[in-house]
Amino acid sequence: MKDVVSVNRKLIRPSLSEIQEQMQGGRTGRRKPTPPDQTNAESFYYVKQMQARTPMVVVLDTGETIRGVIEWYDRNCIKVHRNGEPNLLIFKSCIRYIYKQSDAKNGAGENSHGE
């Protein structure tokens, strides 16, 4: 018979803490990250329109339309510059929607003010 040589082998076994870390890392790796609170899309849009001095139409909750150029904005309001009429500070909470004046179809039936 052959001589059996005894080799002292060390069994490599991960510790319990390493296994727990791997399991926790695996769970969080599969989850989708939480979306950011702000995308800055609104800021990007306002800055783009301000820099280009784009004539805009602001439709208020009351249905009234205001035409002018957005001069500046903050978290709560926008300032609209109007030719030949006073500039307006409009609270965003009172705005139904905003669009570029060039996107207006006919403008018929609108209660237009400003430009």
PDB file of N, CA and C in Angstrom:
ATOM      1  N   MET A   1       0.823  -1.172   0.000  1.00  0.00           N
ATOM      2  CA  MET A   1       0.000   0.000   0.000  1.00  0.00           C
ATOM      3  C   MET A   1       0.865   1.232   0.000  1.00  0.00           C
ATOM      4  N   LYS A   2       0.231   2.254  -0.435  1.00  0.00           N
ATOM      5  CA  LYS A   2       0.953   3.507  -0.541  1.00  0.00           C
ATOM      6  C   LYS A   2       0.958   4.174   0.817  1.00  0.00           C
ATOM      7  N   ASP A   3       2.007   4.930   1.017  1.00  0.00           N
ATOM      8  CA  ASP A   3       2.084   5.688   2.254  1.00  0.00           C
ATOM      9  C   ASP A   3       1.163   6.891   2.149  1.00  0.00           C
ATOM     10  N   VAL A   4       0.383   7.106   3.154  1.00  0.00           N
ATOM     11  CA  VAL A   4      -0.540   8.237   3.172  1.00  0.00           C
ATOM     12  C   VAL A   4       0.167   9.395   3.851  1.00  0.00           C
ATOM     13  N   VAL A   5       0.255  10.488   3.109  1.00  0.00           N
ATOM     14  CA  VAL A   5       0.906  11.667   3.652  1.00  0.00           C
ATOM     15  C   VAL A   5      -0.188  12.552   4.232  1.00  0.00           C
ATOM     16  N   SER A   6      -0.017  12.895   5.430  1.00  0.00           N
ATOM     17  CA  SER A   6      -1.010  13.728   6.102  1.00  0.00           C
ATOM     18  C   SER A   6      -0.693  15.193   5.819  1.00  0.00           C
ATOM     19  N   VAL A   7      -1.682  15.879   5.241  1.00  0.00           N
ATOM     20  CA  VAL A   7      -1.520  17.280   4.945  1.00  0.00           C
ATOM     21  C   VAL A   7      -2.487  18.033   5.849  1.00  0.00           C
ATOM     22  N   ASN A   8      -1.969  19.016   6.491  1.00  0.00           N
ATOM     23  CA  ASN A   8      -2.794  19.810   7.390  1.00  0.00           C
ATOM     24  C   ASN A   8      -3.436  20.929   6.581  1.00  0.00           C
ATOM     25  N   ARG A   9      -4.703  20.739   6.225  1.00  0.00           N
ATOM     26  CA  ARG A   9      -5.418  21.743   5.440  1.00  0.00           C
ATOM     27  C   ARG A   9      -6.325  22.545   6.356  1.00  0.00           C
ATOM     28  N   LYS A  10      -6.345  23.840   6.090  1.00  0.00           N
ATOM     29  CA  LYS A  10      -7.203  24.715   6.880  1.00  0.00           C
ATOM     30  C   LYS A  10      -8.475  24.957   6.082  1.00  0.00           C
ATOM     31  N   LEU A  11      -9.596  24.722   6.704  1.00  0.00           N
ATOM     32  CA  LEU A  11     -10.872  24.946   6.061  1.00  0.00           C
ATOM     33  C   LEU A  11     -11.187  26.435   6.117  1.00  0.00           C
ATOM     34  N   ILE A  12     -11.451  27.019   4.949  1.00  0.00           N
ATOM     35  CA  ILE A  12     -11.764  28.447   4.907  1.00  0.00           C
ATOM     36  C   ILE A  12     -13.281  28.568   4.964  1.00  0.00           C
ATOM     37  N   ARG A  13     -13.761  29.119   6.041  1.00  0.00           N
ATOM     38  CA  ARG A  13     -15.176  29.275   6.252  1.00  0.00           C
ATOM     39  C   ARG A  13     -15.439  30.726   6.649  1.00  0.00           C
ATOM     40  N   PRO A  14     -16.382  31.401   5.974  1.00  0.00           N
ATOM     41  CA  PRO A  14     -16.652  32.794   6.337  1.00  0.00           C
ATOM     42  C   PRO A  14     -17.290  32.871   7.721  1.00  0.00           C
ATOM     43  N   SER A  15     -17.032  33.978   8.379  1.00  0.00           N
ATOM     44  CA  SER A  15     -17.616  34.162   9.703  1.00  0.00           C
ATOM     45  C   SER A  15     -19.090  34.526   9.553  1.00  0.00           C
ATOM     46  N   LEU A  16     -19.837  34.440  10.629  1.00  0.00           N
ATOM     47  CA  LEU A  16     -21.255  34.749  10.620  1.00  0.00           C
ATOM     48  C   LEU A  16     -21.491  36.205  10.240  1.00  0.00           C
ATOM     49  N   SER A  17     -20.651  37.118  10.715  1.00  0.00           N
ATOM     50  CA  SER A  17     -20.822  38.538  10.389  1.00  0.00           C
ATOM     51  C   SER A  17     -20.616  38.789   8.898  1.00  0.00           C
ATOM     52  N   GLU A  18     -19.696  38.072   8.250  1.00  0.00           N
ATOM     53  CA  GLU A  18     -19.490  38.233   6.814  1.00  0.00           C
ATOM     54  C   GLU A  18     -20.706  37.769   6.024  1.00  0.00           C
ATOM     55  N   ILE A  19     -21.328  36.693   6.466  1.00  0.00           N
ATOM     56  CA  ILE A  19     -22.515  36.179   5.796  1.00  0.00           C
ATOM     57  C   ILE A  19     -23.664  37.174   5.927  1.00  0.00           C
ATOM     58  N   GLN A  20     -23.833  37.749   7.121  1.00  0.00           N
ATOM     59  CA  GLN A  20     -24.904  38.723   7.343  1.00  0.00           C
ATOM     60  C   GLN A  20     -24.692  39.965   6.477  1.00  0.00           C
ATOM     61  N   GLU A  21     -23.472  40.439   6.356  1.00  0.00           N
ATOM     62  CA  GLU A  21     -23.175  41.604   5.526  1.00  0.00           C
ATOM     63  C   GLU A  21     -23.502  41.323   4.063  1.00  0.00           C
ATOM     64  N   GLN A  22     -23.170  40.114   3.597  1.00  0.00           N
ATOM     65  CA  GLN A  22     -23.452  39.752   2.218  1.00  0.00           C
ATOM     66  C   GLN A  22     -24.954  39.699   1.959  1.00  0.00           C
ATOM     67  N   MET A  23     -25.699  39.166   2.918  1.00  0.00           N
ATOM     68  CA  MET A  23     -27.145  39.056   2.758  1.00  0.00           C
ATOM     69  C   MET A  23     -27.798  40.427   2.769  1.00  0.00           C
ATOM     70  N   GLN A  24     -27.357  41.323   3.628  1.00  0.00           N
ATOM     71  CA  GLN A  24     -27.922  42.667   3.679  1.00  0.00           C
ATOM     72  C   GLN A  24     -27.558  43.435   2.409  1.00  0.00           C
ATOM     73  N   GLY A  25     -26.342  43.280   1.957  1.00  0.00           N
ATOM     74  CA  GLY A  25     -25.911  43.952   0.733  1.00  0.00           C
ATOM     75  C   GLY A  25     -26.684  43.457  -0.471  1.00  0.00           C
ATOM     76  N   GLY A  26     -27.044  42.201  -0.493  1.00  0.00           N
ATOM     77  CA  GLY A  26     -27.802  41.636  -1.593  1.00  0.00           C
ATOM     78  C   GLY A  26     -29.212  42.179  -1.649  1.00  0.00           C
ATOM     79  N   ARG A  27     -29.824  42.382  -0.503  1.00  0.00           N
ATOM     80  CA  ARG A  27     -31.199  42.901  -0.468  1.00  0.00           C
ATOM     81  C   ARG A  27     -31.248  44.348  -0.935  1.00  0.00           C
ATOM     82  N   THR A  28     -30.354  45.177  -0.424  1.00  0.00           N
ATOM     83  CA  THR A  28     -30.382  46.591  -0.808  1.00  0.00           C
ATOM     84  C   THR A  28     -29.939  46.767  -2.255  1.00  0.00           C
ATOM     85  N   GLY A  29     -29.159  45.843  -2.789  1.00  0.00           N
ATOM     86  CA  GLY A  29     -28.718  45.937  -4.171  1.00  0.00           C
ATOM     87  C   GLY A  29     -29.860  45.738  -5.156  1.00  0.00           C
ATOM     88  N   ARG A  30     -30.906  45.002  -4.768  1.00  0.00           N
ATOM     89  CA  ARG A  30     -32.022  44.727  -5.661  1.00  0.00           C
ATOM     90  C   ARG A  30     -33.075  45.826  -5.629  1.00  0.00           C
ATOM     91  N   ARG A  31     -33.085  46.612  -4.599  1.00  0.00           N
ATOM     92  CA  ARG A  31     -34.086  47.676  -4.481  1.00  0.00           C
ATOM     93  C   ARG A  31     -33.757  48.838  -5.400  1.00  0.00           C
ATOM     94  N   LYS A  32     -34.814  49.494  -5.858  1.00  0.00           N
ATOM     95  CA  LYS A  32     -34.612  50.699  -6.668  1.00  0.00           C
ATOM     96  C   LYS A  32     -34.255  51.840  -5.729  1.00  0.00           C
ATOM     97  N   PRO A  33     -33.361  52.701  -6.153  1.00  0.00           N
ATOM     98  CA  PRO A  33     -33.030  53.846  -5.299  1.00  0.00           C
ATOM     99  C   PRO A  33     -34.223  54.800  -5.208  1.00  0.00           C
ATOM    100  N   THR A  34     -34.330  55.469  -4.092  1.00  0.00           N
ATOM    101  CA  THR A  34     -35.400  56.435  -3.892  1.00  0.00           C
ATOM    102  C   THR A  34     -35.191  57.604  -4.843  1.00  0.00           C
ATOM    103  N   PRO A  35     -36.248  58.029  -5.564  1.00  0.00           N
ATOM    104  CA  PRO A  35     -36.081  59.159  -6.483  1.00  0.00           C
ATOM    105  C   PRO A  35     -35.795  60.446  -5.716  1.00  0.00           C
ATOM    106  N   PRO A  36     -35.070  61.365  -6.320  1.00  0.00           N
ATOM    107  CA  PRO A  36     -34.757  62.612  -5.626  1.00  0.00           C
ATOM    108  C   PRO A  36     -36.005  63.442  -5.386  1.00  0.00           C
ATOM    109  N   ASP A  37     -35.967  64.266  -4.328  1.00  0.00           N
ATOM    110  CA  ASP A  37     -37.104  65.131  -4.018  1.00  0.00           C
ATOM    111  C   ASP A  37     -37.310  66.175  -5.108  1.00  0.00           C
ATOM    112  N   GLN A  38     -36.219  66.669  -5.671  1.00  0.00           N
ATOM    113  CA  GLN A  38     -36.308  67.675  -6.728  1.00  0.00           C
ATOM    114  C   GLN A  38     -35.522  67.225  -7.938  1.00  0.00           C
ATOM    115  N   THR A  39     -36.128  67.404  -9.095  1.00  0.00           N
ATOM    116  CA  THR A  39     -35.442  67.058 -10.338  1.00  0.00           C
ATOM    117  C   THR A  39     -34.815  68.279 -10.998  1.00  0.00           C
ATOM    118  N   ASN A  40     -35.173  69.458 -10.523  1.00  0.00           N
ATOM    119  CA  ASN A  40     -34.705  70.733 -11.077  1.00  0.00           C
ATOM    120  C   ASN A  40     -35.225  70.988 -12.486  1.00  0.00           C
ATOM    121  N   ALA A  41     -36.240  70.245 -12.914  1.00  0.00           N
ATOM    122  CA  ALA A  41     -36.820  70.459 -14.244  1.00  0.00           C
ATOM    123  C   ALA A  41     -37.499  71.822 -14.320  1.00  0.00           C
ATOM    124  N   GLU A  42     -38.196  72.200 -13.248  1.00  0.00           N
ATOM    125  CA  GLU A  42     -38.879  73.489 -13.231  1.00  0.00           C
ATOM    126  C   GLU A  42     -37.863  74.620 -13.342  1.00  0.00           C
ATOM    127  N   SER A  43     -36.795  74.552 -12.574  1.00  0.00           N
ATOM    128  CA  SER A  43     -35.753  75.582 -12.617  1.00  0.00           C
ATOM    129  C   SER A  43     -35.128  75.661 -14.003  1.00  0.00           C
ATOM    130  N   PHE A  44     -34.839  74.502 -14.578  1.00  0.00           N
ATOM    131  CA  PHE A  44     -34.246  74.466 -15.916  1.00  0.00           C
ATOM    132  C   PHE A  44     -35.159  75.159 -16.922  1.00  0.00           C
ATOM    133  N   TYR A  45     -36.467  74.889 -16.850  1.00  0.00           N
ATOM    134  CA  TYR A  45     -37.431  75.480 -17.782  1.00  0.00           C
ATOM    135  C   TYR A  45     -37.487  76.992 -17.621  1.00  0.00           C
ATOM    136  N   TYR A  46     -37.603  77.470 -16.371  1.00  0.00           N
ATOM    137  CA  TYR A  46     -37.681  78.917 -16.141  1.00  0.00           C
ATOM    138  C   TYR A  46     -36.411  79.622 -16.612  1.00  0.00           C
ATOM    139  N   VAL A  47     -35.258  79.075 -16.290  1.00  0.00           N
ATOM    140  CA  VAL A  47     -33.992  79.704 -16.684  1.00  0.00           C
ATOM    141  C   VAL A  47     -33.881  79.766 -18.207  1.00  0.00           C
ATOM    142  N   LYS A  48     -34.274  78.691 -18.873  1.00  0.00           N
ATOM    143  CA  LYS A  48     -34.212  78.662 -20.338  1.00  0.00           C
ATOM    144  C   LYS A  48     -35.102  79.752 -20.943  1.00  0.00           C
ATOM    145  N   GLN A  49     -36.327  79.899 -20.438  1.00  0.00           N
ATOM    146  CA  GLN A  49     -37.252  80.902 -20.968  1.00  0.00           C
ATOM    147  C   GLN A  49     -36.792  82.322 -20.618  1.00  0.00           C
ATOM    148  N   MET A  50     -36.215  82.504 -19.439  1.00  0.00           N
ATOM    149  CA  MET A  50     -35.721  83.828 -19.042  1.00  0.00           C
ATOM    150  C   MET A  50     -34.553  84.258 -19.913  1.00  0.00           C
ATOM    151  N   GLN A  51     -33.613  83.352 -20.150  1.00  0.00           N
ATOM    152  CA  GLN A  51     -32.434  83.694 -20.949  1.00  0.00           C
ATOM    153  C   GLN A  51     -32.817  84.012 -22.392  1.00  0.00           C
ATOM    154  N   ALA A  52     -33.781  83.295 -22.927  1.00  0.00           N
ATOM    155  CA  ALA A  52     -34.203  83.526 -24.315  1.00  0.00           C
ATOM    156  C   ALA A  52     -35.217  84.663 -24.413  1.00  0.00           C
ATOM    157  N   ARG A  53     -35.675  85.162 -23.260  1.00  0.00           N
ATOM    158  CA  ARG A  53     -36.713  86.201 -23.199  1.00  0.00           C
ATOM    159  C   ARG A  53     -37.915  85.790 -24.053  1.00  0.00           C
ATOM    160  N   THR A  54     -38.343  84.563 -23.868  1.00  0.00           N
ATOM    161  CA  THR A  54     -39.450  83.988 -24.615  1.00  0.00           C
ATOM    162  C   THR A  54     -40.776  84.592 -24.161  1.00  0.00           C
ATOM    163  N   PRO A  55     -41.582  85.127 -25.076  1.00  0.00           N
ATOM    164  CA  PRO A  55     -42.919  85.595 -24.692  1.00  0.00           C
ATOM    165  C   PRO A  55     -43.766  84.402 -24.229  1.00  0.00           C
ATOM    166  N   MET A  56     -44.326  84.534 -23.033  1.00  0.00           N
ATOM    167  CA  MET A  56     -45.074  83.441 -22.416  1.00  0.00           C
ATOM    168  C   MET A  56     -46.521  83.860 -22.173  1.00  0.00           C
ATOM    169  N   VAL A  57     -47.389  82.865 -22.032  1.00  0.00           N
ATOM    170  CA  VAL A  57     -48.779  83.082 -21.640  1.00  0.00           C
ATOM    171  C   VAL A  57     -48.977  82.329 -20.331  1.00  0.00           C
ATOM    172  N   VAL A  58     -49.417  83.059 -19.296  1.00  0.00           N
ATOM    173  CA  VAL A  58     -49.676  82.466 -17.987  1.00  0.00           C
ATOM    174  C   VAL A  58     -51.189  82.445 -17.812  1.00  0.00           C
ATOM    175  N   VAL A  59     -51.744  81.253 -17.620  1.00  0.00           N
ATOM    176  CA  VAL A  59     -53.185  81.116 -17.399  1.00  0.00           C
ATOM    177  C   VAL A  59     -53.394  80.894 -15.908  1.00  0.00           C
ATOM    178  N   LEU A  60     -54.177  81.778 -15.309  1.00  0.00           N
ATOM    179  CA  LEU A  60     -54.434  81.701 -13.876  1.00  0.00           C
ATOM    180  C   LEU A  60     -55.607  80.770 -13.583  1.00  0.00           C
ATOM    181  N   ASP A  61     -55.777  80.415 -12.310  1.00  0.00           N
ATOM    182  CA  ASP A  61     -56.894  79.570 -11.893  1.00  0.00           C
ATOM    183  C   ASP A  61     -58.237  80.187 -12.236  1.00  0.00           C
ATOM    184  N   THR A  62     -58.292  81.511 -12.288  1.00  0.00           N
ATOM    185  CA  THR A  62     -59.541  82.215 -12.604  1.00  0.00           C
ATOM    186  C   THR A  62     -59.864  82.171 -14.090  1.00  0.00           C
ATOM    187  N   GLY A  63     -58.923  81.693 -14.924  1.00  0.00           N
ATOM    188  CA  GLY A  63     -59.117  81.650 -16.365  1.00  0.00           C
ATOM    189  C   GLY A  63     -58.499  82.843 -17.070  1.00  0.00           C
ATOM    190  N   GLU A  64     -58.074  83.855 -16.317  1.00  0.00           N
ATOM    191  CA  GLU A  64     -57.452  85.039 -16.900  1.00  0.00           C
ATOM    192  C   GLU A  64     -56.081  84.673 -17.463  1.00  0.00           C
ATOM    193  N   THR A  65     -55.741  85.253 -18.612  1.00  0.00           N
ATOM    194  CA  THR A  65     -54.428  85.007 -19.210  1.00  0.00           C
ATOM    195  C   THR A  65     -53.583  86.261 -19.118  1.00  0.00           C
ATOM    196  N   ILE A  66     -52.318  86.058 -18.872  1.00  0.00           N
ATOM    197  CA  ILE A  66     -51.359  87.157 -18.763  1.00  0.00           C
ATOM    198  C   ILE A  66     -50.230  86.854 -19.731  1.00  0.00           C
ATOM    199  N   ARG A  67     -49.909  87.822 -20.567  1.00  0.00           N
ATOM    200  CA  ARG A  67     -48.836  87.658 -21.557  1.00  0.00           C
ATOM    201  C   ARG A  67     -47.657  88.524 -21.164  1.00  0.00           C
ATOM    202  N   GLY A  68     -46.483  87.944 -21.264  1.00  0.00           N
ATOM    203  CA  GLY A  68     -45.278  88.686 -20.943  1.00  0.00           C
ATOM    204  C   GLY A  68     -44.066  87.771 -20.911  1.00  0.00           C
ATOM    205  N   VAL A  69     -42.964  88.328 -20.429  1.00  0.00           N
ATOM    206  CA  VAL A  69     -41.697  87.600 -20.347  1.00  0.00           C
ATOM    207  C   VAL A  69     -41.384  87.374 -18.873  1.00  0.00           C
ATOM    208  N   ILE A  70     -40.981  86.175 -18.534  1.00  0.00           N
ATOM    209  CA  ILE A  70     -40.628  85.877 -17.145  1.00  0.00           C
ATOM    210  C   ILE A  70     -39.283  86.529 -16.842  1.00  0.00           C
ATOM    211  N   GLU A  71     -39.261  87.426 -15.852  1.00  0.00           N
ATOM    212  CA  GLU A  71     -38.028  88.115 -15.462  1.00  0.00           C
ATOM    213  C   GLU A  71     -37.249  87.315 -14.434  1.00  0.00           C
ATOM    214  N   TRP A  72     -37.933  86.818 -13.421  1.00  0.00           N
ATOM    215  CA  TRP A  72     -37.290  85.989 -12.410  1.00  0.00           C
ATOM    216  C   TRP A  72     -38.333  85.134 -11.713  1.00  0.00           C
ATOM    217  N   TYR A  73     -37.862  84.185 -10.914  1.00  0.00           N
ATOM    218  CA  TYR A  73     -38.752  83.282 -10.196  1.00  0.00           C
ATOM    219  C   TYR A  73     -38.095  82.892  -8.880  1.00  0.00           C
ATOM    220  N   ASP A  74     -38.895  82.412  -7.958  1.00  0.00           N
ATOM    221  CA  ASP A  74     -38.366  81.767  -6.762  1.00  0.00           C
ATOM    222  C   ASP A  74     -39.275  80.580  -6.458  1.00  0.00           C
ATOM    223  N   ARG A  75     -39.191  80.072  -5.270  1.00  0.00           N
ATOM    224  CA  ARG A  75     -39.948  78.868  -4.938  1.00  0.00           C
ATOM    225  C   ARG A  75     -41.459  79.096  -4.978  1.00  0.00           C
ATOM    226  N   ASN A  76     -41.908  80.315  -4.685  1.00  0.00           N
ATOM    227  CA  ASN A  76     -43.331  80.575  -4.538  1.00  0.00           C
ATOM    228  C   ASN A  76     -43.968  81.412  -5.641  1.00  0.00           C
ATOM    229  N   CYS A  77     -43.169  82.176  -6.404  1.00  0.00           N
ATOM    230  CA  CYS A  77     -43.785  83.081  -7.374  1.00  0.00           C
ATOM    231  C   CYS A  77     -42.870  83.339  -8.573  1.00  0.00           C
ATOM    232  N   ILE A  78     -43.472  83.969  -9.605  1.00  0.00           N
ATOM    233  CA  ILE A  78     -42.718  84.404 -10.781  1.00  0.00           C
ATOM    234  C   ILE A  78     -43.030  85.879 -11.018  1.00  0.00           C
ATOM    235  N   LYS A  79     -42.090  86.588 -11.629  1.00  0.00           N
ATOM    236  CA  LYS A  79     -42.306  87.985 -12.006  1.00  0.00           C
ATOM    237  C   LYS A  79     -42.402  88.040 -13.523  1.00  0.00           C
ATOM    238  N   VAL A  80     -43.512  88.599 -14.012  1.00  0.00           N
ATOM    239  CA  VAL A  80     -43.767  88.688 -15.450  1.00  0.00           C
ATOM    240  C   VAL A  80     -43.652  90.145 -15.885  1.00  0.00           C
ATOM    241  N   HIS A  81     -42.762  90.396 -16.847  1.00  0.00           N
ATOM    242  CA  HIS A  81     -42.585  91.736 -17.431  1.00  0.00           C
ATOM    243  C   HIS A  81     -43.543  91.864 -18.607  1.00  0.00           C
ATOM    244  N   ARG A  82     -44.347  92.945 -18.597  1.00  0.00           N
ATOM    245  CA  ARG A  82     -45.301  93.197 -19.678  1.00  0.00           C
ATOM    246  C   ARG A  82     -45.001  94.546 -20.304  1.00  0.00           C
ATOM    247  N   ASN A  83     -45.035  94.628 -21.615  1.00  0.00           N
ATOM    248  CA  ASN A  83     -44.812  95.896 -22.325  1.00  0.00           C
ATOM    249  C   ASN A  83     -46.051  96.769 -22.211  1.00  0.00           C
ATOM    250  N   GLY A  84     -45.852  98.009 -21.800  1.00  0.00           N
ATOM    251  CA  GLY A  84     -46.946  98.972 -21.745  1.00  0.00           C
ATOM    252  C   GLY A  84     -47.894  98.787 -20.576  1.00  0.00           C
ATOM    253  N   GLU A  85     -47.652  97.800 -19.732  1.00  0.00           N
ATOM    254  CA  GLU A  85     -48.493  97.550 -18.559  1.00  0.00           C
ATOM    255  C   GLU A  85     -47.592  97.236 -17.382  1.00  0.00           C
ATOM    256  N   PRO A  86     -48.136  97.338 -16.167  1.00  0.00           N
ATOM    257  CA  PRO A  86     -47.301  97.051 -15.000  1.00  0.00           C
ATOM    258  C   PRO A  86     -46.819  95.602 -14.980  1.00  0.00           C
ATOM    259  N   ASN A  87     -45.615  95.420 -14.440  1.00  0.00           N
ATOM    260  CA  ASN A  87     -45.105  94.068 -14.243  1.00  0.00           C
ATOM    261  C   ASN A  87     -45.906  93.408 -13.131  1.00  0.00           C
ATOM    262  N   LEU A  88     -45.994  92.087 -13.163  1.00  0.00           N
ATOM    263  CA  LEU A  88     -46.792  91.368 -12.180  1.00  0.00           C
ATOM    264  C   LEU A  88     -45.955  90.337 -11.437  1.00  0.00           C
ATOM    265  N   LEU A  89     -46.230  90.214 -10.156  1.00  0.00           N
ATOM    266  CA  LEU A  89     -45.663  89.157  -9.332  1.00  0.00           C
ATOM    267  C   LEU A  89     -46.791  88.161  -9.110  1.00  0.00           C
ATOM    268  N   ILE A  90     -46.647  86.954  -9.629  1.00  0.00           N
ATOM    269  CA  ILE A  90     -47.732  85.975  -9.611  1.00  0.00           C
ATOM    270  C   ILE A  90     -47.323  84.789  -8.739  1.00  0.00           C
ATOM    271  N   PHE A  91     -48.167  84.443  -7.778  1.00  0.00           N
ATOM    272  CA  PHE A  91     -47.917  83.261  -6.963  1.00  0.00           C
ATOM    273  C   PHE A  91     -48.118  82.009  -7.813  1.00  0.00           C
ATOM    274  N   LYS A  92     -47.200  81.056  -7.688  1.00  0.00           N
ATOM    275  CA  LYS A  92     -47.295  79.825  -8.467  1.00  0.00           C
ATOM    276  C   LYS A  92     -48.560  79.046  -8.122  1.00  0.00           C
ATOM    277  N   SER A  93     -49.032  79.177  -6.900  1.00  0.00           N
ATOM    278  CA  SER A  93     -50.236  78.461  -6.496  1.00  0.00           C
ATOM    279  C   SER A  93     -51.476  78.956  -7.234  1.00  0.00           C
ATOM    280  N   CYS A  94     -51.418  80.146  -7.836  1.00  0.00           N
ATOM    281  CA  CYS A  94     -52.548  80.714  -8.589  1.00  0.00           C
ATOM    282  C   CYS A  94     -52.466  80.403 -10.074  1.00  0.00           C
ATOM    283  N   ILE A  95     -51.391  79.756 -10.510  1.00  0.00           N
ATOM    284  CA  ILE A  95     -51.185  79.473 -11.937  1.00  0.00           C
ATOM    285  C   ILE A  95     -51.776  78.115 -12.290  1.00  0.00           C
ATOM    286  N   ARG A  96     -52.614  78.114 -13.315  1.00  0.00           N
ATOM    287  CA  ARG A  96     -53.156  76.844 -13.810  1.00  0.00           C
ATOM    288  C   ARG A  96     -52.125  76.181 -14.717  1.00  0.00           C
ATOM    289  N   TYR A  97     -51.603  76.931 -15.692  1.00  0.00           N
ATOM    290  CA  TYR A  97     -50.530  76.431 -16.553  1.00  0.00           C
ATOM    291  C   TYR A  97     -49.869  77.593 -17.281  1.00  0.00           C
ATOM    292  N   ILE A  98     -48.711  77.303 -17.880  1.00  0.00           N
ATOM    293  CA  ILE A  98     -47.910  78.292 -18.609  1.00  0.00           C
ATOM    294  C   ILE A  98     -47.512  77.660 -19.939  1.00  0.00           C
ATOM    295  N   TYR A  99     -47.525  78.477 -21.002  1.00  0.00           N
ATOM    296  CA  TYR A  99     -47.025  77.981 -22.283  1.00  0.00           C
ATOM    297  C   TYR A  99     -46.408  79.131 -23.071  1.00  0.00           C
ATOM    298  N   LYS A 100     -45.619  78.766 -24.075  1.00  0.00           N
ATOM    299  CA  LYS A 100     -44.988  79.774 -24.920  1.00  0.00           C
ATOM    300  C   LYS A 100     -46.048  80.427 -25.800  1.00  0.00           C
ATOM    301  N   GLN A 101     -45.950  81.724 -25.963  1.00  0.00           N
ATOM    302  CA  GLN A 101     -46.928  82.451 -26.773  1.00  0.00           C
ATOM    303  C   GLN A 101     -46.918  81.937 -28.207  1.00  0.00           C
ATOM    304  N   SER A 102     -45.763  81.506 -28.695  1.00  0.00           N
ATOM    305  CA  SER A 102     -45.672  80.991 -30.066  1.00  0.00           C
ATOM    306  C   SER A 102     -46.438  79.676 -30.227  1.00  0.00           C
ATOM    307  N   ASP A 103     -46.726  78.989 -29.119  1.00  0.00           N
ATOM    308  CA  ASP A 103     -47.474  77.734 -29.180  1.00  0.00           C
ATOM    309  C   ASP A 103     -48.981  77.960 -29.203  1.00  0.00           C
ATOM    310  N   ALA A 104     -49.424  79.205 -29.012  1.00  0.00           N
ATOM    311  CA  ALA A 104     -50.861  79.509 -29.014  1.00  0.00           C
ATOM    312  C   ALA A 104     -51.415  79.264 -30.404  1.00  0.00           C
ATOM    313  N   LYS A 105     -52.572  78.667 -30.486  1.00  0.00           N
ATOM    314  CA  LYS A 105     -53.174  78.349 -31.786  1.00  0.00           C
ATOM    315  C   LYS A 105     -53.651  79.632 -32.461  1.00  0.00           C
ATOM    316  N   ASN A 106     -54.850  80.100 -32.131  1.00  0.00           N
ATOM    317  CA  ASN A 106     -55.381  81.332 -32.715  1.00  0.00           C
ATOM    318  C   ASN A 106     -55.392  82.460 -31.711  1.00  0.00           C
ATOM    319  N   GLY A 107     -55.498  82.105 -30.432  1.00  0.00           N
ATOM    320  CA  GLY A 107     -55.644  83.128 -29.417  1.00  0.00           C
ATOM    321  C   GLY A 107     -57.077  83.589 -29.319  1.00  0.00           C
ATOM    322  N   ALA A 108     -57.972  82.994 -30.089  1.00  0.00           N
ATOM    323  CA  ALA A 108     -59.373  83.392 -30.068  1.00  0.00           C
ATOM    324  C   ALA A 108     -60.021  82.949 -28.772  1.00  0.00           C
ATOM    325  N   GLY A 109     -60.830  83.831 -28.217  1.00  0.00           N
ATOM    326  CA  GLY A 109     -61.554  83.504 -27.009  1.00  0.00           C
ATOM    327  C   GLY A 109     -60.751  83.676 -25.743  1.00  0.00           C
ATOM    328  N   GLU A 110     -59.517  84.124 -25.859  1.00  0.00           N
ATOM    329  CA  GLU A 110     -58.692  84.335 -24.674  1.00  0.00           C
ATOM    330  C   GLU A 110     -58.891  85.747 -24.157  1.00  0.00           C
ATOM    331  N   ASN A 111     -58.840  85.868 -22.875  1.00  0.00           N
ATOM    332  CA  ASN A 111     -58.904  87.185 -22.228  1.00  0.00           C
ATOM    333  C   ASN A 111     -57.465  87.641 -22.068  1.00  0.00           C
ATOM    334  N   SER A 112     -56.886  88.198 -23.118  1.00  0.00           N
ATOM    335  CA  SER A 112     -55.453  88.496 -23.107  1.00  0.00           C
ATOM    336  C   SER A 112     -55.152  89.858 -22.489  1.00  0.00           C
ATOM    337  N   HIS A 113     -54.068  89.859 -21.765  1.00  0.00           N
ATOM    338  CA  HIS A 113     -53.544  91.087 -21.160  1.00  0.00           C
ATOM    339  C   HIS A 113     -52.057  91.144 -21.458  1.00  0.00           C
ATOM    340  N   GLY A 114     -51.501  92.328 -21.602  1.00  0.00           N
ATOM    341  CA  GLY A 114     -50.050  92.459 -21.777  1.00  0.00           C
ATOM    342  C   GLY A 114     -49.688  92.590 -23.226  1.00  0.00           C
ATOM    343  N   GLU A 115     -48.547  91.970 -23.562  1.00  0.00           N
ATOM    344  CA  GLU A 115     -47.943  92.105 -24.891  1.00  0.00           C
ATOM    345  C   GLU A 115     -48.928  91.965 -25.991  1.00  0.00           C
TER     346      GLU A 115
END
